[in-house]
N, C-alpha and C. Protein backbone atom coordinates (compact mmCIF):
# COMPACT_ATOMS: atom_id res chain seq x y z
N MET A 1 3.66 12.46 -21.44
CA MET A 1 4.03 13.77 -21.88
C MET A 1 5.44 13.72 -22.42
N LYS A 2 5.63 14.48 -23.47
CA LYS A 2 6.96 14.59 -24.06
C LYS A 2 7.25 16.07 -24.27
N LEU A 3 8.45 16.49 -23.83
CA LEU A 3 8.84 17.89 -23.92
C LEU A 3 10.10 18.05 -24.76
N ASP A 4 10.22 19.21 -25.40
CA ASP A 4 11.46 19.59 -26.06
C ASP A 4 12.54 19.76 -25.00
N PRO A 5 13.80 19.80 -25.42
CA PRO A 5 14.88 20.05 -24.45
C PRO A 5 14.82 21.49 -23.93
N PRO A 6 15.56 21.76 -22.84
CA PRO A 6 15.50 23.09 -22.22
C PRO A 6 15.85 24.23 -23.17
N GLU A 7 16.80 24.01 -24.05
CA GLU A 7 17.17 25.10 -24.98
C GLU A 7 16.04 25.48 -25.93
N ASP A 8 15.03 24.62 -26.05
CA ASP A 8 13.85 24.92 -26.86
C ASP A 8 12.65 25.28 -25.98
N GLY A 9 12.91 25.55 -24.69
CA GLY A 9 11.87 26.03 -23.79
C GLY A 9 10.93 24.97 -23.26
N TYR A 10 11.35 23.72 -23.31
CA TYR A 10 10.49 22.61 -22.85
C TYR A 10 9.10 22.70 -23.51
N ARG A 11 9.10 22.92 -24.80
CA ARG A 11 7.84 22.98 -25.54
C ARG A 11 7.16 21.62 -25.47
N ILE A 12 5.84 21.62 -25.30
CA ILE A 12 5.07 20.38 -25.16
C ILE A 12 4.89 19.73 -26.53
N LEU A 13 5.48 18.57 -26.70
CA LEU A 13 5.43 17.84 -27.97
C LEU A 13 4.31 16.80 -28.00
N ALA A 14 4.02 16.22 -26.86
CA ALA A 14 2.97 15.19 -26.78
C ALA A 14 2.38 15.22 -25.38
N ILE A 15 1.09 14.96 -25.30
CA ILE A 15 0.42 14.94 -24.01
C ILE A 15 -0.76 13.98 -24.09
N SER A 16 -0.93 13.23 -23.02
CA SER A 16 -2.09 12.34 -22.98
C SER A 16 -2.45 12.05 -21.53
N CYS A 17 -3.67 11.69 -21.33
CA CYS A 17 -4.17 11.34 -20.01
C CYS A 17 -5.01 10.08 -20.19
N ILE A 18 -4.50 8.98 -19.72
CA ILE A 18 -5.23 7.72 -19.84
C ILE A 18 -5.31 7.04 -18.47
N ARG A 19 -6.30 6.24 -18.33
CA ARG A 19 -6.50 5.52 -17.07
C ARG A 19 -5.60 4.29 -17.06
N PRO A 20 -4.80 4.14 -16.00
CA PRO A 20 -3.95 2.95 -15.92
C PRO A 20 -4.79 1.69 -15.72
N PRO A 21 -4.30 0.56 -16.19
CA PRO A 21 -5.05 -0.69 -16.00
C PRO A 21 -5.33 -0.93 -14.51
N GLY A 22 -6.55 -1.29 -14.23
CA GLY A 22 -6.94 -1.59 -12.86
C GLY A 22 -7.40 -0.40 -12.04
N ASP A 23 -7.18 0.83 -12.54
CA ASP A 23 -7.61 2.02 -11.80
C ASP A 23 -9.12 2.18 -11.90
N THR A 24 -9.76 2.39 -10.78
CA THR A 24 -11.22 2.52 -10.78
C THR A 24 -11.68 3.90 -10.32
N GLY A 25 -10.76 4.80 -10.01
CA GLY A 25 -11.12 6.11 -9.48
C GLY A 25 -12.06 6.90 -10.36
N CYS A 26 -11.83 6.89 -11.66
CA CYS A 26 -12.69 7.71 -12.54
C CYS A 26 -14.12 7.18 -12.59
N GLN A 27 -14.33 5.95 -12.22
CA GLN A 27 -15.68 5.39 -12.25
C GLN A 27 -16.62 6.06 -11.27
N TYR A 28 -16.05 6.86 -10.35
CA TYR A 28 -16.87 7.56 -9.37
C TYR A 28 -17.10 9.02 -9.73
N GLN A 29 -16.58 9.45 -10.87
CA GLN A 29 -16.82 10.80 -11.34
C GLN A 29 -18.24 10.89 -11.88
N CYS A 30 -18.91 12.00 -11.62
CA CYS A 30 -20.32 12.13 -12.01
C CYS A 30 -20.53 11.94 -13.52
N GLU A 31 -19.66 12.53 -14.32
CA GLU A 31 -19.85 12.41 -15.77
C GLU A 31 -19.53 11.01 -16.27
N TYR A 32 -18.65 10.31 -15.60
CA TYR A 32 -18.37 8.92 -15.96
C TYR A 32 -19.63 8.08 -15.76
N LEU A 33 -20.35 8.36 -14.69
CA LEU A 33 -21.59 7.64 -14.42
C LEU A 33 -22.65 7.95 -15.48
N ASN A 34 -22.64 9.18 -15.99
CA ASN A 34 -23.61 9.59 -17.02
C ASN A 34 -23.25 9.06 -18.40
N ASN A 35 -21.96 9.17 -18.76
CA ASN A 35 -21.54 8.77 -20.10
C ASN A 35 -20.02 8.54 -20.10
N ALA A 36 -19.63 7.37 -19.67
CA ALA A 36 -18.21 7.04 -19.51
C ALA A 36 -17.42 7.21 -20.80
N LYS A 37 -17.94 6.70 -21.88
CA LYS A 37 -17.22 6.74 -23.15
C LYS A 37 -16.95 8.18 -23.59
N SER A 38 -17.93 9.04 -23.42
CA SER A 38 -17.78 10.44 -23.80
C SER A 38 -16.72 11.14 -22.93
N LEU A 39 -16.76 10.91 -21.62
CA LEU A 39 -15.78 11.55 -20.73
C LEU A 39 -14.37 11.10 -21.05
N ILE A 40 -14.16 9.81 -21.14
CA ILE A 40 -12.82 9.28 -21.42
C ILE A 40 -12.33 9.77 -22.77
N GLY A 41 -13.21 9.80 -23.76
CA GLY A 41 -12.85 10.28 -25.09
C GLY A 41 -12.49 11.75 -25.11
N SER A 42 -13.26 12.57 -24.41
CA SER A 42 -12.96 14.01 -24.43
C SER A 42 -11.64 14.30 -23.71
N ILE A 43 -11.35 13.60 -22.63
CA ILE A 43 -10.07 13.80 -21.93
C ILE A 43 -8.91 13.35 -22.83
N ALA A 44 -9.08 12.21 -23.48
CA ALA A 44 -8.01 11.68 -24.34
C ALA A 44 -7.73 12.59 -25.54
N ASN A 45 -8.73 13.33 -25.99
CA ASN A 45 -8.57 14.16 -27.18
C ASN A 45 -8.20 15.61 -26.89
N GLU A 46 -8.08 15.99 -25.64
CA GLU A 46 -7.71 17.37 -25.32
C GLU A 46 -6.23 17.58 -25.61
N LYS A 47 -5.95 18.45 -26.54
CA LYS A 47 -4.56 18.71 -26.96
C LYS A 47 -4.28 20.20 -27.10
N SER A 48 -5.02 21.04 -26.37
CA SER A 48 -4.88 22.49 -26.54
C SER A 48 -3.52 23.03 -26.13
N LEU A 49 -2.75 22.28 -25.37
CA LEU A 49 -1.46 22.77 -24.90
C LEU A 49 -0.29 22.34 -25.77
N LEU A 50 -0.55 21.54 -26.77
CA LEU A 50 0.53 21.09 -27.66
C LEU A 50 1.23 22.28 -28.30
N GLY A 51 2.54 22.20 -28.34
CA GLY A 51 3.33 23.23 -29.00
C GLY A 51 3.67 24.43 -28.13
N LYS A 52 3.09 24.50 -26.95
CA LYS A 52 3.35 25.64 -26.06
C LYS A 52 4.52 25.33 -25.14
N PRO A 53 5.37 26.35 -24.87
CA PRO A 53 6.46 26.15 -23.92
C PRO A 53 5.91 25.99 -22.49
N LEU A 54 6.58 25.21 -21.70
CA LEU A 54 6.14 24.93 -20.34
C LEU A 54 5.93 26.21 -19.53
N ASN A 55 6.84 27.17 -19.62
CA ASN A 55 6.69 28.41 -18.86
C ASN A 55 5.45 29.20 -19.27
N THR A 56 5.10 29.16 -20.54
CA THR A 56 3.89 29.83 -21.01
C THR A 56 2.65 29.19 -20.40
N VAL A 57 2.64 27.88 -20.34
CA VAL A 57 1.51 27.15 -19.76
C VAL A 57 1.38 27.47 -18.28
N LEU A 58 2.51 27.53 -17.58
CA LEU A 58 2.47 27.80 -16.15
C LEU A 58 2.07 29.24 -15.83
N ALA A 59 2.33 30.17 -16.73
CA ALA A 59 2.04 31.59 -16.50
C ALA A 59 0.59 31.97 -16.80
N ARG A 60 -0.14 31.11 -17.44
CA ARG A 60 -1.50 31.48 -17.84
C ARG A 60 -2.45 31.54 -16.64
N GLU A 61 -3.46 32.35 -16.77
CA GLU A 61 -4.51 32.44 -15.74
C GLU A 61 -5.35 31.18 -15.78
N ARG A 62 -5.70 30.70 -14.60
CA ARG A 62 -6.59 29.54 -14.53
C ARG A 62 -7.45 29.67 -13.29
N PRO A 63 -8.68 29.24 -13.41
CA PRO A 63 -9.57 29.37 -12.25
C PRO A 63 -9.17 28.41 -11.14
N TYR A 64 -9.36 28.84 -9.92
CA TYR A 64 -9.10 27.99 -8.77
C TYR A 64 -10.22 26.96 -8.68
N ASP A 65 -9.86 25.71 -8.53
CA ASP A 65 -10.86 24.64 -8.43
C ASP A 65 -10.29 23.53 -7.56
N PRO A 66 -10.60 23.54 -6.27
CA PRO A 66 -10.02 22.54 -5.37
C PRO A 66 -10.64 21.15 -5.48
N SER A 67 -11.68 21.02 -6.26
CA SER A 67 -12.32 19.70 -6.36
C SER A 67 -11.45 18.73 -7.14
N GLY A 68 -11.69 17.48 -6.98
CA GLY A 68 -11.00 16.45 -7.75
C GLY A 68 -11.71 16.12 -9.04
N CYS A 69 -12.78 16.83 -9.31
CA CYS A 69 -13.62 16.53 -10.47
C CYS A 69 -12.93 16.91 -11.78
N ILE A 70 -12.98 16.01 -12.73
CA ILE A 70 -12.45 16.27 -14.07
C ILE A 70 -13.55 16.11 -15.12
N CYS A 71 -14.80 16.22 -14.67
CA CYS A 71 -15.94 15.90 -15.52
C CYS A 71 -16.17 16.87 -16.67
N ASP A 72 -15.84 18.13 -16.50
CA ASP A 72 -16.07 19.05 -17.61
C ASP A 72 -14.78 19.78 -17.95
N SER A 73 -14.72 20.23 -19.16
CA SER A 73 -13.48 20.83 -19.67
C SER A 73 -13.08 22.09 -18.91
N ALA A 74 -14.01 22.78 -18.27
CA ALA A 74 -13.68 23.98 -17.52
C ALA A 74 -12.87 23.66 -16.26
N ARG A 75 -13.00 22.45 -15.74
CA ARG A 75 -12.27 22.07 -14.52
C ARG A 75 -10.91 21.45 -14.81
N ARG A 76 -10.72 20.94 -15.98
CA ARG A 76 -9.48 20.21 -16.28
C ARG A 76 -8.23 21.09 -16.40
N PRO A 77 -8.30 22.33 -16.86
CA PRO A 77 -7.06 23.12 -16.94
C PRO A 77 -6.34 23.25 -15.60
N GLN A 78 -7.08 23.39 -14.52
CA GLN A 78 -6.45 23.50 -13.21
C GLN A 78 -5.75 22.19 -12.86
N LYS A 79 -6.33 21.06 -13.23
CA LYS A 79 -5.70 19.76 -12.94
C LYS A 79 -4.44 19.60 -13.78
N TRP A 80 -4.50 19.99 -15.06
CA TRP A 80 -3.30 19.93 -15.91
C TRP A 80 -2.22 20.84 -15.34
N SER A 81 -2.60 22.00 -14.84
CA SER A 81 -1.62 22.92 -14.27
C SER A 81 -0.88 22.29 -13.11
N LEU A 82 -1.57 21.53 -12.29
CA LEU A 82 -0.91 20.84 -11.19
C LEU A 82 0.13 19.85 -11.71
N VAL A 83 -0.22 19.15 -12.77
CA VAL A 83 0.72 18.20 -13.38
C VAL A 83 1.96 18.94 -13.87
N PHE A 84 1.75 20.04 -14.58
CA PHE A 84 2.87 20.80 -15.13
C PHE A 84 3.72 21.43 -14.04
N GLU A 85 3.11 21.85 -12.95
CA GLU A 85 3.89 22.42 -11.85
C GLU A 85 4.82 21.38 -11.23
N VAL A 86 4.35 20.16 -11.09
CA VAL A 86 5.19 19.09 -10.55
C VAL A 86 6.34 18.79 -11.50
N ILE A 87 6.05 18.72 -12.79
CA ILE A 87 7.10 18.46 -13.78
C ILE A 87 8.11 19.61 -13.78
N HIS A 88 7.62 20.84 -13.73
CA HIS A 88 8.51 22.01 -13.70
C HIS A 88 9.42 21.96 -12.48
N TYR A 89 8.87 21.65 -11.34
CA TYR A 89 9.67 21.54 -10.11
C TYR A 89 10.78 20.50 -10.29
N ALA A 90 10.42 19.34 -10.83
CA ALA A 90 11.42 18.28 -11.03
C ALA A 90 12.50 18.71 -12.02
N LEU A 91 12.12 19.40 -13.07
CA LEU A 91 13.10 19.85 -14.06
C LEU A 91 14.05 20.89 -13.46
N VAL A 92 13.52 21.84 -12.73
CA VAL A 92 14.36 22.87 -12.11
C VAL A 92 15.32 22.24 -11.11
N ARG A 93 14.81 21.33 -10.32
CA ARG A 93 15.67 20.67 -9.33
C ARG A 93 16.78 19.86 -10.03
N SER A 94 16.42 19.17 -11.09
CA SER A 94 17.40 18.39 -11.85
C SER A 94 18.48 19.29 -12.45
N GLU A 95 18.07 20.43 -12.99
CA GLU A 95 19.02 21.36 -13.59
C GLU A 95 19.96 21.93 -12.54
N LYS A 96 19.44 22.25 -11.34
CA LYS A 96 20.28 22.77 -10.27
C LYS A 96 21.28 21.74 -9.81
N GLU A 97 20.86 20.49 -9.71
CA GLU A 97 21.77 19.43 -9.28
C GLU A 97 22.85 19.15 -10.32
N ALA A 98 22.50 19.35 -11.60
CA ALA A 98 23.47 19.12 -12.67
C ALA A 98 24.49 20.26 -12.76
N GLY A 99 24.13 21.39 -12.15
CA GLY A 99 25.07 22.51 -12.11
C GLY A 99 24.85 23.45 -13.22
């Protein structure tokens, strides 16, 4: 992920989700078992958040989904939100420490 600087609202410039070498976790996802290439491709091509400021992304409504499943596009926004919340926390903490 690549973000604009704070004065530009941490706008999302680049985003990607790829499997690290050696990671086997996604191989147990139901859709991976059905069609691995399609699942990996659809995740890699999701770019709906590009150009949006981080605060806008965090403020949007998203369905609650406690599962770890990323098999369909309806479940992935909640997972992306978790990623953005962690990044937001780190940025706010860094800014406070910098004064």
